[in-house]
């Protein structure tokens, strides 16, 4: 179960996020941290979240641990759901064509399941 903490945070038993307006979002699993670049949009409470290639590794001191594709997908689901808890819509931006995803419909179904509600595709 996810719980909003203040205006910018969400915690759950497995992870937490902090949306550091207006330029970044941090995601934690225990002591491991990922950082995403973000920017607010004027479209329906949206936030652009940039999927840079560097977001495939944890920040130091765990930088040597690369995320598997399945784990990265789990992070995308969790971050998208957590932003919804904050009343924001995640708009994921791939920074190169090679990082475009074709599984957003499935990701949004997982977001729905995590939140226990009907979600809409980005």
PDB file of N, CA and C in Angstrom:
ATOM      1  N   UNK A   1       0.839  -1.179   0.000  1.00  0.00           N
ATOM      2  CA  UNK A   1       0.000   0.000   0.000  1.00  0.00           C
ATOM      3  C   UNK A   1       0.883   1.241   0.000  1.00  0.00           C
ATOM      4  N   UNK A   2       0.597   2.141  -0.917  1.00  0.00           N
ATOM      5  CA  UNK A   2       1.352   3.383  -1.000  1.00  0.00           C
ATOM      6  C   UNK A   2       0.665   4.473  -0.189  1.00  0.00           C
ATOM      7  N   UNK A   3       1.493   5.329   0.415  1.00  0.00           N
ATOM      8  CA  UNK A   3       0.963   6.414   1.220  1.00  0.00           C
ATOM      9  C   UNK A   3       1.683   7.701   0.849  1.00  0.00           C
ATOM     10  N   UNK A   4       0.905   8.733   0.646  1.00  0.00           N
ATOM     11  CA  UNK A   4       1.465  10.055   0.358  1.00  0.00           C
ATOM     12  C   UNK A   4       2.099  10.601   1.629  1.00  0.00           C
ATOM     13  N   UNK A   5       3.278  11.220   1.474  1.00  0.00           N
ATOM     14  CA  UNK A   5       3.983  11.839   2.585  1.00  0.00           C
ATOM     15  C   UNK A   5       4.269  13.281   2.183  1.00  0.00           C
ATOM     16  N   UNK A   6       3.561  14.204   2.778  1.00  0.00           N
ATOM     17  CA  UNK A   6       3.728  15.607   2.421  1.00  0.00           C
ATOM     18  C   UNK A   6       3.253  15.863   0.999  1.00  0.00           C
ATOM     19  N   UNK A   7       3.779  16.909   0.395  1.00  0.00           N
ATOM     20  CA  UNK A   7       3.370  17.286  -0.962  1.00  0.00           C
ATOM     21  C   UNK A   7       4.110  16.546  -2.061  1.00  0.00           C
ATOM     22  N   UNK A   8       5.283  15.999  -1.751  1.00  0.00           N
ATOM     23  CA  UNK A   8       6.154  15.482  -2.805  1.00  0.00           C
ATOM     24  C   UNK A   8       6.626  14.051  -2.617  1.00  0.00           C
ATOM     25  N   UNK A   9       6.155  13.352  -1.619  1.00  0.00           N
ATOM     26  CA  UNK A   9       6.678  12.021  -1.364  1.00  0.00           C
ATOM     27  C   UNK A   9       5.614  10.950  -1.306  1.00  0.00           C
ATOM     28  N   UNK A  10       6.044   9.728  -1.592  1.00  0.00           N
ATOM     29  CA  UNK A  10       5.192   8.545  -1.485  1.00  0.00           C
ATOM     30  C   UNK A  10       6.059   7.434  -0.909  1.00  0.00           C
ATOM     31  N   UNK A  11       5.497   6.709   0.066  1.00  0.00           N
ATOM     32  CA  UNK A  11       6.205   5.570   0.640  1.00  0.00           C
ATOM     33  C   UNK A  11       5.334   4.327   0.518  1.00  0.00           C
ATOM     34  N   UNK A  12       6.010   3.192   0.437  1.00  0.00           N
ATOM     35  CA  UNK A  12       5.351   1.890   0.451  1.00  0.00           C
ATOM     36  C   UNK A  12       6.303   0.952   1.181  1.00  0.00           C
ATOM     37  N   UNK A  13       5.875  -0.264   1.463  1.00  0.00           N
ATOM     38  CA  UNK A  13       6.800  -1.196   2.124  1.00  0.00           C
ATOM     39  C   UNK A  13       8.037  -1.526   1.283  1.00  0.00           C
ATOM     40  N   UNK A  14       7.942  -1.412  -0.049  1.00  0.00           N
ATOM     41  CA  UNK A  14       9.038  -1.840  -0.924  1.00  0.00           C
ATOM     42  C   UNK A  14       9.881  -0.714  -1.517  1.00  0.00           C
ATOM     43  N   UNK A  15       9.357   0.508  -1.530  1.00  0.00           N
ATOM     44  CA  UNK A  15      10.069   1.613  -2.168  1.00  0.00           C
ATOM     45  C   UNK A  15       9.525   2.938  -1.663  1.00  0.00           C
ATOM     46  N   UNK A  16      10.215   4.008  -2.051  1.00  0.00           N
ATOM     47  CA  UNK A  16       9.696   5.352  -1.809  1.00  0.00           C
ATOM     48  C   UNK A  16      10.186   6.273  -2.915  1.00  0.00           C
ATOM     49  N   UNK A  17       9.447   7.349  -3.125  1.00  0.00           N
ATOM     50  CA  UNK A  17       9.886   8.356  -4.087  1.00  0.00           C
ATOM     51  C   UNK A  17       9.784   9.732  -3.449  1.00  0.00           C
ATOM     52  N   UNK A  18      10.573  10.646  -3.994  1.00  0.00           N
ATOM     53  CA  UNK A  18      10.453  12.051  -3.652  1.00  0.00           C
ATOM     54  C   UNK A  18      10.552  12.828  -4.956  1.00  0.00           C
ATOM     55  N   UNK A  19       9.530  13.599  -5.242  1.00  0.00           N
ATOM     56  CA  UNK A  19       9.522  14.420  -6.440  1.00  0.00           C
ATOM     57  C   UNK A  19      10.109  15.767  -6.053  1.00  0.00           C
ATOM     58  N   UNK A  20      11.354  16.012  -6.430  1.00  0.00           N
ATOM     59  CA  UNK A  20      12.060  17.250  -6.097  1.00  0.00           C
ATOM     60  C   UNK A  20      11.806  18.273  -7.204  1.00  0.00           C
ATOM     61  N   UNK A  21      10.675  18.937  -7.106  1.00  0.00           N
ATOM     62  CA  UNK A  21      10.278  19.902  -8.139  1.00  0.00           C
ATOM     63  C   UNK A  21      11.365  20.911  -8.361  1.00  0.00           C
ATOM     64  N   UNK A  22      11.570  21.416  -9.543  1.00  0.00           N
ATOM     65  CA  UNK A  22      10.920  20.963 -10.761  1.00  0.00           C
ATOM     66  C   UNK A  22      11.801  20.076 -11.620  1.00  0.00           C
ATOM     67  N   UNK A  23      12.944  19.628 -11.110  1.00  0.00           N
ATOM     68  CA  UNK A  23      13.916  19.020 -12.027  1.00  0.00           C
ATOM     69  C   UNK A  23      14.299  17.569 -11.781  1.00  0.00           C
ATOM     70  N   UNK A  24      13.842  16.948 -10.708  1.00  0.00           N
ATOM     71  CA  UNK A  24      14.257  15.561 -10.508  1.00  0.00           C
ATOM     72  C   UNK A  24      13.261  14.792  -9.648  1.00  0.00           C
ATOM     73  N   UNK A  25      13.396  13.489  -9.724  1.00  0.00           N
ATOM     74  CA  UNK A  25      12.610  12.566  -8.924  1.00  0.00           C
ATOM     75  C   UNK A  25      13.566  11.489  -8.452  1.00  0.00           C
ATOM     76  N   UNK A  26      13.550  11.212  -7.156  1.00  0.00           N
ATOM     77  CA  UNK A  26      14.393  10.145  -6.621  1.00  0.00           C
ATOM     78  C   UNK A  26      13.515   8.974  -6.229  1.00  0.00           C
ATOM     79  N   UNK A  27      14.046   7.782  -6.503  1.00  0.00           N
ATOM     80  CA  UNK A  27      13.381   6.516  -6.210  1.00  0.00           C
ATOM     81  C   UNK A  27      14.337   5.698  -5.365  1.00  0.00           C
ATOM     82  N   UNK A  28      13.848   5.167  -4.240  1.00  0.00           N
ATOM     83  CA  UNK A  28      14.674   4.354  -3.355  1.00  0.00           C
ATOM     84  C   UNK A  28      14.082   2.972  -3.166  1.00  0.00           C
ATOM     85  N   UNK A  29      14.947   1.984  -3.120  1.00  0.00           N
ATOM     86  CA  UNK A  29      14.641   0.637  -2.636  1.00  0.00           C
ATOM     87  C   UNK A  29      15.691   0.364  -1.577  1.00  0.00           C
ATOM     88  N   UNK A  30      15.287   0.434  -0.331  1.00  0.00           N
ATOM     89  CA  UNK A  30      16.265   0.291   0.747  1.00  0.00           C
ATOM     90  C   UNK A  30      17.309   1.386   0.640  1.00  0.00           C
ATOM     91  N   UNK A  31      18.584   0.994   0.559  1.00  0.00           N
ATOM     92  CA  UNK A  31      19.678   1.961   0.462  1.00  0.00           C
ATOM     93  C   UNK A  31      20.005   2.339  -0.976  1.00  0.00           C
ATOM     94  N   UNK A  32      19.401   1.689  -1.946  1.00  0.00           N
ATOM     95  CA  UNK A  32      19.690   1.944  -3.360  1.00  0.00           C
ATOM     96  C   UNK A  32      18.811   3.071  -3.882  1.00  0.00           C
ATOM     97  N   UNK A  33      19.419   3.939  -4.723  1.00  0.00           N
ATOM     98  CA  UNK A  33      18.723   5.113  -5.228  1.00  0.00           C
ATOM     99  C   UNK A  33      18.883   5.240  -6.733  1.00  0.00           C
ATOM    100  N   UNK A  34      17.797   5.602  -7.400  1.00  0.00           N
ATOM    101  CA  UNK A  34      17.816   6.021  -8.805  1.00  0.00           C
ATOM    102  C   UNK A  34      17.356   7.471  -8.848  1.00  0.00           C
ATOM    103  N   UNK A  35      17.869   8.221  -9.816  1.00  0.00           N
ATOM    104  CA  UNK A  35      17.418   9.605  -9.978  1.00  0.00           C
ATOM    105  C   UNK A  35      16.996   9.838 -11.419  1.00  0.00           C
ATOM    106  N   UNK A  36      15.807  10.385 -11.585  1.00  0.00           N
ATOM    107  CA  UNK A  36      15.270  10.713 -12.904  1.00  0.00           C
ATOM    108  C   UNK A  36      15.213  12.222 -13.055  1.00  0.00           C
ATOM    109  N   UNK A  37      15.542  12.725 -14.239  1.00  0.00           N
ATOM    110  CA  UNK A  37      15.324  14.127 -14.552  1.00  0.00           C
ATOM    111  C   UNK A  37      13.847  14.293 -14.883  1.00  0.00           C
ATOM    112  N   UNK A  38      13.271  15.408 -14.419  1.00  0.00           N
ATOM    113  CA  UNK A  38      11.851  15.667 -14.662  1.00  0.00           C
ATOM    114  C   UNK A  38      11.637  17.131 -15.009  1.00  0.00           C
ATOM    115  N   UNK A  39      10.470  17.400 -15.538  1.00  0.00           N
ATOM    116  CA  UNK A  39      10.017  18.786 -15.698  1.00  0.00           C
ATOM    117  C   UNK A  39       8.494  18.777 -15.667  1.00  0.00           C
ATOM    118  N   UNK A  40       7.940  19.782 -15.062  1.00  0.00           N
ATOM    119  CA  UNK A  40       6.486  19.895 -14.988  1.00  0.00           C
ATOM    120  C   UNK A  40       5.940  20.350 -16.341  1.00  0.00           C
ATOM    121  N   UNK A  41       4.740  19.911 -16.656  1.00  0.00           N
ATOM    122  CA  UNK A  41       4.065  20.350 -17.864  1.00  0.00           C
ATOM    123  C   UNK A  41       2.787  21.076 -17.459  1.00  0.00           C
ATOM    124  N   UNK A  42       2.198  21.757 -18.389  1.00  0.00           N
ATOM    125  CA  UNK A  42       0.933  22.434 -18.122  1.00  0.00           C
ATOM    126  C   UNK A  42      -0.239  21.558 -18.538  1.00  0.00           C
ATOM    127  N   UNK A  43       0.039  20.367 -19.031  1.00  0.00           N
ATOM    128  CA  UNK A  43      -1.001  19.460 -19.500  1.00  0.00           C
ATOM    129  C   UNK A  43      -1.497  18.556 -18.382  1.00  0.00           C
ATOM    130  N   UNK A  44      -2.699  18.738 -17.969  1.00  0.00           N
ATOM    131  CA  UNK A  44      -3.412  17.865 -17.026  1.00  0.00           C
ATOM    132  C   UNK A  44      -2.539  17.321 -15.890  1.00  0.00           C
ATOM    133  N   UNK A  45      -1.915  18.219 -15.149  1.00  0.00           N
ATOM    134  CA  UNK A  45      -1.104  17.834 -13.991  1.00  0.00           C
ATOM    135  C   UNK A  45      -0.032  16.814 -14.378  1.00  0.00           C
ATOM    136  N   UNK A  46       0.622  17.040 -15.488  1.00  0.00           N
ATOM    137  CA  UNK A  46       1.622  16.105 -15.968  1.00  0.00           C
ATOM    138  C   UNK A  46       3.018  16.457 -15.521  1.00  0.00           C
ATOM    139  N   UNK A  47       3.853  15.443 -15.503  1.00  0.00           N
ATOM    140  CA  UNK A  47       5.274  15.624 -15.247  1.00  0.00           C
ATOM    141  C   UNK A  47       6.021  14.759 -16.262  1.00  0.00           C
ATOM    142  N   UNK A  48       6.919  15.391 -17.024  1.00  0.00           N
ATOM    143  CA  UNK A  48       7.774  14.634 -17.929  1.00  0.00           C
ATOM    144  C   UNK A  48       8.838  13.941 -17.082  1.00  0.00           C
ATOM    145  N   UNK A  49       9.008  12.658 -17.291  1.00  0.00           N
ATOM    146  CA  UNK A  49      10.057  11.899 -16.617  1.00  0.00           C
ATOM    147  C   UNK A  49      10.951  11.354 -17.726  1.00  0.00           C
ATOM    148  N   UNK A  50      12.218  11.751 -17.705  1.00  0.00           N
ATOM    149  CA  UNK A  50      13.128  11.402 -18.783  1.00  0.00           C
ATOM    150  C   UNK A  50      13.834  10.083 -18.492  1.00  0.00           C
ATOM    151  N   UNK A  51      13.747   9.173 -19.446  1.00  0.00           N
ATOM    152  CA  UNK A  51      14.347   7.839 -19.331  1.00  0.00           C
ATOM    153  C   UNK A  51      15.711   7.860 -20.009  1.00  0.00           C
ATOM    154  N   UNK A  52      16.719   8.351 -19.299  1.00  0.00           N
ATOM    155  CA  UNK A  52      18.078   8.385 -19.819  1.00  0.00           C
ATOM    156  C   UNK A  52      18.729   7.015 -19.676  1.00  0.00           C
ATOM    157  N   UNK A  53      19.680   6.711 -20.556  1.00  0.00           N
ATOM    158  CA  UNK A  53      20.385   5.429 -20.421  1.00  0.00           C
ATOM    159  C   UNK A  53      21.038   5.238 -19.054  1.00  0.00           C
ATOM    160  N   UNK A  54      21.484   6.340 -18.397  1.00  0.00           N
ATOM    161  CA  UNK A  54      22.152   6.214 -17.100  1.00  0.00           C
ATOM    162  C   UNK A  54      21.212   5.690 -16.009  1.00  0.00           C
ATOM    163  N   UNK A  55      19.892   5.734 -16.265  1.00  0.00           N
ATOM    164  CA  UNK A  55      18.945   5.246 -15.266  1.00  0.00           C
ATOM    165  C   UNK A  55      18.813   3.736 -15.398  1.00  0.00           C
ATOM    166  N   UNK A  56      19.904   3.085 -15.638  1.00  0.00           N
ATOM    167  CA  UNK A  56      19.957   1.628 -15.652  1.00  0.00           C
ATOM    168  C   UNK A  56      20.871   1.126 -14.551  1.00  0.00           C
ATOM    169  N   UNK A  57      21.413   2.075 -13.791  1.00  0.00           N
ATOM    170  CA  UNK A  57      22.286   1.731 -12.675  1.00  0.00           C
ATOM    171  C   UNK A  57      21.873   2.548 -11.456  1.00  0.00           C
ATOM    172  N   UNK A  58      22.067   1.958 -10.284  1.00  0.00           N
ATOM    173  CA  UNK A  58      21.829   2.676  -9.043  1.00  0.00           C
ATOM    174  C   UNK A  58      22.891   3.753  -8.878  1.00  0.00           C
ATOM    175  N   UNK A  59      22.602   4.736  -8.063  1.00  0.00           N
ATOM    176  CA  UNK A  59      23.600   5.746  -7.736  1.00  0.00           C
ATOM    177  C   UNK A  59      24.639   5.128  -6.800  1.00  0.00           C
ATOM    178  N   UNK A  60      25.852   5.720  -6.726  1.00  0.00           N
ATOM    179  CA  UNK A  60      26.870   5.213  -5.812  1.00  0.00           C
ATOM    180  C   UNK A  60      26.324   5.145  -4.387  1.00  0.00           C
ATOM    181  N   UNK A  61      26.748   4.175  -3.628  1.00  0.00           N
ATOM    182  CA  UNK A  61      27.849   3.244  -3.844  1.00  0.00           C
ATOM    183  C   UNK A  61      27.435   1.950  -4.549  1.00  0.00           C
ATOM    184  N   UNK A  62      26.225   1.906  -5.135  1.00  0.00           N
ATOM    185  CA  UNK A  62      25.742   0.684  -5.780  1.00  0.00           C
ATOM    186  C   UNK A  62      25.775   0.794  -7.310  1.00  0.00           C
ATOM    187  N   UNK A  63      26.560   1.728  -7.829  1.00  0.00           N
ATOM    188  CA  UNK A  63      26.568   2.002  -9.271  1.00  0.00           C
ATOM    189  C   UNK A  63      27.001   0.799 -10.105  1.00  0.00           C
ATOM    190  N   UNK A  64      27.710  -0.127  -9.520  1.00  0.00           N
ATOM    191  CA  UNK A  64      28.150  -1.319 -10.256  1.00  0.00           C
ATOM    192  C   UNK A  64      27.007  -2.306 -10.480  1.00  0.00           C
ATOM    193  N   UNK A  65      25.863  -2.090  -9.832  1.00  0.00           N
ATOM    194  CA  UNK A  65      24.717  -2.990  -9.951  1.00  0.00           C
ATOM    195  C   UNK A  65      23.764  -2.481 -11.028  1.00  0.00           C
ATOM    196  N   UNK A  66      23.767  -3.113 -12.180  1.00  0.00           N
ATOM    197  CA  UNK A  66      22.890  -2.728 -13.281  1.00  0.00           C
ATOM    198  C   UNK A  66      21.506  -3.334 -13.086  1.00  0.00           C
ATOM    199  N   UNK A  67      20.477  -2.564 -13.393  1.00  0.00           N
ATOM    200  CA  UNK A  67      19.110  -3.067 -13.295  1.00  0.00           C
ATOM    201  C   UNK A  67      18.805  -3.967 -14.478  1.00  0.00           C
ATOM    202  N   UNK A  68      18.145  -5.069 -14.224  1.00  0.00           N
ATOM    203  CA  UNK A  68      17.677  -5.923 -15.319  1.00  0.00           C
ATOM    204  C   UNK A  68      16.504  -5.220 -16.004  1.00  0.00           C
ATOM    205  N   UNK A  69      16.153  -5.671 -17.181  1.00  0.00           N
ATOM    206  CA  UNK A  69      15.007  -5.101 -17.897  1.00  0.00           C
ATOM    207  C   UNK A  69      13.729  -5.261 -17.075  1.00  0.00           C
ATOM    208  N   UNK A  70      13.571  -6.403 -16.428  1.00  0.00           N
ATOM    209  CA  UNK A  70      12.378  -6.644 -15.617  1.00  0.00           C
ATOM    210  C   UNK A  70      12.326  -5.715 -14.406  1.00  0.00           C
ATOM    211  N   UNK A  71      13.474  -5.473 -13.788  1.00  0.00           N
ATOM    212  CA  UNK A  71      13.509  -4.585 -12.629  1.00  0.00           C
ATOM    213  C   UNK A  71      13.250  -3.144 -13.056  1.00  0.00           C
ATOM    214  N   UNK A  72      13.821  -2.735 -14.180  1.00  0.00           N
ATOM    215  CA  UNK A  72      13.583  -1.379 -14.693  1.00  0.00           C
ATOM    216  C   UNK A  72      12.091  -1.186 -14.970  1.00  0.00           C
ATOM    217  N   UNK A  73      11.439  -2.191 -15.531  1.00  0.00           N
ATOM    218  CA  UNK A  73      10.010  -2.109 -15.808  1.00  0.00           C
ATOM    219  C   UNK A  73       9.229  -1.956 -14.502  1.00  0.00           C
ATOM    220  N   UNK A  74       9.615  -2.709 -13.470  1.00  0.00           N
ATOM    221  CA  UNK A  74       8.982  -2.588 -12.168  1.00  0.00           C
ATOM    222  C   UNK A  74       9.127  -1.170 -11.619  1.00  0.00           C
ATOM    223  N   UNK A  75      10.295  -0.572 -11.786  1.00  0.00           N
ATOM    224  CA  UNK A  75      10.524   0.800 -11.343  1.00  0.00           C
ATOM    225  C   UNK A  75       9.591   1.755 -12.097  1.00  0.00           C
ATOM    226  N   UNK A  76       9.452   1.578 -13.411  1.00  0.00           N
ATOM    227  CA  UNK A  76       8.553   2.435 -14.190  1.00  0.00           C
ATOM    228  C   UNK A  76       7.124   2.337 -13.671  1.00  0.00           C
ATOM    229  N   UNK A  77       6.690   1.130 -13.365  1.00  0.00           N
ATOM    230  CA  UNK A  77       5.339   0.925 -12.826  1.00  0.00           C
ATOM    231  C   UNK A  77       5.206   1.646 -11.481  1.00  0.00           C
ATOM    232  N   UNK A  78       6.150   1.440 -10.606  1.00  0.00           N
ATOM    233  CA  UNK A  78       6.073   2.037  -9.275  1.00  0.00           C
ATOM    234  C   UNK A  78       6.110   3.561  -9.319  1.00  0.00           C
ATOM    235  N   UNK A  79       7.001   4.125 -10.130  1.00  0.00           N
ATOM    236  CA  UNK A  79       7.101   5.581 -10.221  1.00  0.00           C
ATOM    237  C   UNK A  79       5.818   6.162 -10.814  1.00  0.00           C
ATOM    238  N   UNK A  80       5.295   5.530 -11.856  1.00  0.00           N
ATOM    239  CA  UNK A  80       4.050   6.005 -12.469  1.00  0.00           C
ATOM    240  C   UNK A  80       2.911   5.979 -11.455  1.00  0.00           C
ATOM    241  N   UNK A  81       2.805   4.888 -10.705  1.00  0.00           N
ATOM    242  CA  UNK A  81       1.752   4.773  -9.693  1.00  0.00           C
ATOM    243  C   UNK A  81       1.947   5.794  -8.572  1.00  0.00           C
ATOM    244  N   UNK A  82       3.170   5.959  -8.113  1.00  0.00           N
ATOM    245  CA  UNK A  82       3.437   6.909  -7.026  1.00  0.00           C
ATOM    246  C   UNK A  82       3.112   8.338  -7.447  1.00  0.00           C
ATOM    247  N   UNK A  83       3.440   8.689  -8.683  1.00  0.00           N
ATOM    248  CA  UNK A  83       3.088  10.033  -9.153  1.00  0.00           C
ATOM    249  C   UNK A  83       1.580  10.218  -9.171  1.00  0.00           C
ATOM    250  N   UNK A  84       0.831   9.174  -9.510  1.00  0.00           N
ATOM    251  CA  UNK A  84      -0.637   9.252  -9.451  1.00  0.00           C
ATOM    252  C   UNK A  84      -1.112   9.526  -8.033  1.00  0.00           C
ATOM    253  N   UNK A  85      -0.462   8.894  -7.054  1.00  0.00           N
ATOM    254  CA  UNK A  85      -0.823   9.142  -5.660  1.00  0.00           C
ATOM    255  C   UNK A  85      -0.620  10.619  -5.321  1.00  0.00           C
ATOM    256  N   UNK A  86       0.371  11.244  -5.945  1.00  0.00           N
ATOM    257  CA  UNK A  86       0.622  12.675  -5.750  1.00  0.00           C
ATOM    258  C   UNK A  86      -0.299  13.555  -6.604  1.00  0.00           C
ATOM    259  N   UNK A  87      -1.175  12.922  -7.389  1.00  0.00           N
ATOM    260  CA  UNK A  87      -2.084  13.688  -8.238  1.00  0.00           C
ATOM    261  C   UNK A  87      -1.461  14.133  -9.544  1.00  0.00           C
ATOM    262  N   UNK A  88      -0.387  13.459  -9.950  1.00  0.00           N
ATOM    263  CA  UNK A  88       0.336  13.816 -11.169  1.00  0.00           C
ATOM    264  C   UNK A  88       0.290  12.670 -12.172  1.00  0.00           C
ATOM    265  N   UNK A  89       0.337  13.006 -13.439  1.00  0.00           N
ATOM    266  CA  UNK A  89       0.387  12.014 -14.514  1.00  0.00           C
ATOM    267  C   UNK A  89       1.804  11.946 -15.060  1.00  0.00           C
ATOM    268  N   UNK A  90       2.413  10.779 -14.989  1.00  0.00           N
ATOM    269  CA  UNK A  90       3.760  10.594 -15.530  1.00  0.00           C
ATOM    270  C   UNK A  90       3.688  10.532 -17.046  1.00  0.00           C
ATOM    271  N   UNK A  91       4.503  11.336 -17.696  1.00  0.00           N
ATOM    272  CA  UNK A  91       4.647  11.312 -19.148  1.00  0.00           C
ATOM    273  C   UNK A  91       6.106  10.949 -19.399  1.00  0.00           C
ATOM    274  N   UNK A  92       6.347   9.681 -19.712  1.00  0.00           N
ATOM    275  CA  UNK A  92       7.712   9.191 -19.871  1.00  0.00           C
ATOM    276  C   UNK A  92       8.253   9.610 -21.226  1.00  0.00           C
ATOM    277  N   UNK A  93       9.452  10.157 -21.226  1.00  0.00           N
ATOM    278  CA  UNK A  93      10.115  10.618 -22.447  1.00  0.00           C
ATOM    279  C   UNK A  93      11.391   9.797 -22.635  1.00  0.00           C
ATOM    280  N   UNK A  94      11.445   9.034 -23.716  1.00  0.00           N
ATOM    281  CA  UNK A  94      12.674   8.297 -24.048  1.00  0.00           C
ATOM    282  C   UNK A  94      13.650   9.289 -24.669  1.00  0.00           C
ATOM    283  N   UNK A  95      14.889   9.226 -24.247  1.00  0.00           N
ATOM    284  CA  UNK A  95      15.873  10.192 -24.730  1.00  0.00           C
ATOM    285  C   UNK A  95      16.567   9.743 -26.007  1.00  0.00           C
ATOM    286  N   UNK A  96      16.256   8.540 -26.455  1.00  0.00           N
ATOM    287  CA  UNK A  96      16.769   8.089 -27.740  1.00  0.00           C
ATOM    288  C   UNK A  96      15.798   7.043 -28.288  1.00  0.00           C
ATOM    289  N   UNK A  97      15.735   6.899 -29.612  1.00  0.00           N
ATOM    290  CA  UNK A  97      14.822   5.903 -30.186  1.00  0.00           C
ATOM    291  C   UNK A  97      15.043   4.496 -29.648  1.00  0.00           C
ATOM    292  N   UNK A  98      16.272   4.169 -29.289  1.00  0.00           N
ATOM    293  CA  UNK A  98      16.551   2.829 -28.789  1.00  0.00           C
ATOM    294  C   UNK A  98      15.943   2.582 -27.402  1.00  0.00           C
ATOM    295  N   UNK A  99      15.514   3.643 -26.724  1.00  0.00           N
ATOM    296  CA  UNK A  99      14.899   3.495 -25.406  1.00  0.00           C
ATOM    297  C   UNK A  99      13.375   3.584 -25.436  1.00  0.00           C
ATOM    298  N   UNK A 100      12.798   3.721 -26.641  1.00  0.00           N
ATOM    299  CA  UNK A 100      11.339   3.721 -26.742  1.00  0.00           C
ATOM    300  C   UNK A 100      10.805   2.371 -26.293  1.00  0.00           C
ATOM    301  N   UNK A 101       9.679   2.377 -25.606  1.00  0.00           N
ATOM    302  CA  UNK A 101       9.077   1.149 -25.104  1.00  0.00           C
ATOM    303  C   UNK A 101       7.827   0.841 -25.911  1.00  0.00           C
ATOM    304  N   UNK A 102       7.539  -0.436 -26.082  1.00  0.00           N
ATOM    305  CA  UNK A 102       6.316  -0.837 -26.779  1.00  0.00           C
ATOM    306  C   UNK A 102       5.368  -1.583 -25.846  1.00  0.00           C
ATOM    307  N   UNK A 103       5.643  -1.494 -24.538  1.00  0.00           N
ATOM    308  CA  UNK A 103       4.828  -2.235 -23.577  1.00  0.00           C
ATOM    309  C   UNK A 103       4.052  -1.328 -22.616  1.00  0.00           C
ATOM    310  N   UNK A 104       3.724  -0.100 -23.056  1.00  0.00           N
ATOM    311  CA  UNK A 104       3.035   0.821 -22.154  1.00  0.00           C
ATOM    312  C   UNK A 104       1.654   0.336 -21.750  1.00  0.00           C
ATOM    313  N   UNK A 105       0.937  -0.330 -22.635  1.00  0.00           N
ATOM    314  CA  UNK A 105      -0.392  -0.839 -22.261  1.00  0.00           C
ATOM    315  C   UNK A 105      -0.275  -1.816 -21.089  1.00  0.00           C
ATOM    316  N   UNK A 106       0.720  -2.703 -21.140  1.00  0.00           N
ATOM    317  CA  UNK A 106       0.922  -3.657 -20.052  1.00  0.00           C
ATOM    318  C   UNK A 106       1.409  -2.969 -18.781  1.00  0.00           C
ATOM    319  N   UNK A 107       2.274  -1.980 -18.945  1.00  0.00           N
ATOM    320  CA  UNK A 107       2.755  -1.226 -17.787  1.00  0.00           C
ATOM    321  C   UNK A 107       1.579  -0.542 -17.096  1.00  0.00           C
ATOM    322  N   UNK A 108       0.680   0.056 -17.871  1.00  0.00           N
ATOM    323  CA  UNK A 108      -0.461   0.749 -17.270  1.00  0.00           C
ATOM    324  C   UNK A 108      -1.403  -0.232 -16.580  1.00  0.00           C
ATOM    325  N   UNK A 109      -1.523  -1.444 -17.085  1.00  0.00           N
ATOM    326  CA  UNK A 109      -2.313  -2.462 -16.384  1.00  0.00           C
ATOM    327  C   UNK A 109      -1.688  -2.793 -15.032  1.00  0.00           C
ATOM    328  N   UNK A 110      -0.362  -2.848 -14.990  1.00  0.00           N
ATOM    329  CA  UNK A 110       0.323  -3.101 -13.725  1.00  0.00           C
ATOM    330  C   UNK A 110       0.160  -1.920 -12.761  1.00  0.00           C
ATOM    331  N   UNK A 111       0.148  -0.700 -13.304  1.00  0.00           N
ATOM    332  CA  UNK A 111      -0.107   0.486 -12.471  1.00  0.00           C
ATOM    333  C   UNK A 111      -1.503   0.380 -11.868  1.00  0.00           C
ATOM    334  N   UNK A 112      -2.481   0.027 -12.698  1.00  0.00           N
ATOM    335  CA  UNK A 112      -3.857  -0.165 -12.206  1.00  0.00           C
ATOM    336  C   UNK A 112      -3.884  -1.163 -11.067  1.00  0.00           C
ATOM    337  N   UNK A 113      -3.225  -2.285 -11.265  1.00  0.00           N
ATOM    338  CA  UNK A 113      -3.225  -3.340 -10.238  1.00  0.00           C
ATOM    339  C   UNK A 113      -2.577  -2.844  -8.951  1.00  0.00           C
ATOM    340  N   UNK A 114      -1.483  -2.102  -9.082  1.00  0.00           N
ATOM    341  CA  UNK A 114      -0.796  -1.583  -7.904  1.00  0.00           C
ATOM    342  C   UNK A 114      -1.661  -0.587  -7.140  1.00  0.00           C
ATOM    343  N   UNK A 115      -2.386   0.237  -7.886  1.00  0.00           N
ATOM    344  CA  UNK A 115      -3.238   1.252  -7.262  1.00  0.00           C
ATOM    345  C   UNK A 115      -4.636   0.735  -6.943  1.00  0.00           C
ATOM    346  N   UNK A 116      -5.021  -0.361  -7.584  1.00  0.00           N
ATOM    347  CA  UNK A 116      -6.367  -0.870  -7.398  1.00  0.00           C
ATOM    348  C   UNK A 116      -7.414   0.007  -8.048  1.00  0.00           C
ATOM    349  N   UNK A 117      -7.067   0.613  -9.193  1.00  0.00           N
ATOM    350  CA  UNK A 117      -8.003   1.481  -9.898  1.00  0.00           C
ATOM    351  C   UNK A 117      -7.808   1.364 -11.399  1.00  0.00           C
ATOM    352  N   UNK A 118      -8.723   1.944 -12.144  1.00  0.00           N
ATOM    353  CA  UNK A 118      -8.609   1.963 -13.603  1.00  0.00           C
ATOM    354  C   UNK A 118      -7.663   3.069 -14.011  1.00  0.00           C
ATOM    355  N   UNK A 119      -6.644   2.736 -14.794  1.00  0.00           N
ATOM    356  CA  UNK A 119      -5.677   3.727 -15.254  1.00  0.00           C
ATOM    357  C   UNK A 119      -5.879   3.981 -16.743  1.00  0.00           C
ATOM    358  N   UNK A 120      -5.326   5.087 -17.218  1.00  0.00           N
ATOM    359  CA  UNK A 120      -5.374   5.409 -18.631  1.00  0.00           C
ATOM    360  C   UNK A 120      -3.971   5.445 -19.182  1.00  0.00           C
ATOM    361  N   UNK A 121      -3.828   5.096 -20.453  1.00  0.00           N
ATOM    362  CA  UNK A 121      -2.513   5.073 -21.086  1.00  0.00           C
ATOM    363  C   UNK A 121      -1.976   6.486 -21.211  1.00  0.00           C
ATOM    364  N   UNK A 122      -0.654   6.645 -21.115  1.00  0.00           N
ATOM    365  CA  UNK A 122      -0.060   7.984 -21.227  1.00  0.00           C
ATOM    366  C   UNK A 122      -0.160   8.506 -22.656  1.00  0.00           C
TER     367      UNK A 122
END
